[in-house]
Amino acid sequence: MAYPREGRGDRRPSPPREYTKAVCADCGAECEVPFKPTQGKPVYCRDCYKKHAPPRRESRRSLF
């Protein structure tokens, strides 16, 4: 028996993401992250991550 496709293909719903509480290495605020932090690696809150994230490359289309 074939089931009708809905939306963008036949993707199954993913399970809800589990968040882990962490402390931002920059400002010290408590935050939640969608991964289990690795000891020795800094974890940043959303605002501090923006300051530490590598700059985004420009797309080739914007150069012409």
Protein backbone atom coordinates (compact mmCIF):
# COMPACT_ATOMS: atom_id res chain seq x y z
CA MET A 1 0.00 0.00 0.00
CA ALA A 2 1.44 3.39 -0.96
CA TYR A 3 0.99 6.38 1.29
CA PRO A 4 0.54 9.87 -0.11
CA ARG A 5 3.55 12.14 0.21
CA GLU A 6 3.17 15.29 2.23
CA GLY A 7 5.25 18.43 2.02
CA ARG A 8 8.85 17.91 0.91
CA GLY A 9 9.03 14.19 0.39
CA ASP A 10 8.51 11.35 2.80
CA ARG A 11 10.61 12.59 5.72
CA ARG A 12 9.69 11.22 9.08
CA PRO A 13 9.37 13.62 11.98
CA SER A 14 12.56 13.83 13.99
CA PRO A 15 12.52 13.32 17.74
CA PRO A 16 12.54 16.47 19.87
CA ARG A 17 16.01 17.91 20.46
CA GLU A 18 17.50 17.43 23.89
CA TYR A 19 19.21 20.45 25.40
CA THR A 20 21.98 20.50 28.01
CA LYS A 21 22.47 23.29 30.50
CA ALA A 22 25.85 25.00 30.27
CA VAL A 23 27.62 28.16 31.40
CA CYS A 24 28.87 30.59 28.76
CA ALA A 25 32.68 30.74 28.72
CA ASP A 26 32.56 34.45 27.85
CA CYS A 27 29.90 36.15 29.97
CA GLY A 28 29.16 33.43 32.54
CA ALA A 29 25.43 33.31 31.79
CA GLU A 30 23.59 30.02 32.08
CA CYS A 31 22.36 28.78 28.70
CA GLU A 32 21.09 25.64 27.01
CA VAL A 33 22.83 24.04 24.06
CA PRO A 34 21.57 21.29 21.69
CA PHE A 35 24.65 19.11 22.28
CA LYS A 36 26.62 17.62 25.14
CA PRO A 37 29.58 19.97 25.82
CA THR A 38 33.08 18.51 25.55
CA GLN A 39 35.34 19.14 28.51
CA GLY A 40 38.07 21.64 27.66
CA LYS A 41 36.12 23.28 24.83
CA PRO A 42 34.34 26.59 25.45
CA VAL A 43 30.57 26.87 25.19
CA TYR A 44 29.03 30.22 24.35
CA CYS A 45 25.53 31.61 24.79
CA ARG A 46 23.72 32.79 21.67
CA ASP A 47 24.94 36.40 21.95
CA CYS A 48 28.58 35.53 22.67
CA TYR A 49 28.63 32.90 19.93
CA LYS A 50 27.90 35.63 17.40
CA LYS A 51 31.09 37.42 18.52
CA HIS A 52 33.23 34.25 18.28
CA ALA A 53 31.75 32.68 15.13
CA PRO A 54 33.96 32.74 12.03
CA PRO A 55 32.91 35.41 9.53
CA ARG A 56 30.54 34.22 6.84
CA ARG A 57 31.93 34.14 3.33
CA GLU A 58 30.24 36.27 0.72
CA SER A 59 28.46 34.39 -1.99
CA ARG A 60 29.90 34.58 -5.47
CA ARG A 61 26.69 36.14 -6.75
CA SER A 62 27.13 39.27 -4.65
CA LEU A 63 30.55 39.92 -6.21
CA PHE A 64 29.15 40.54 -9.71
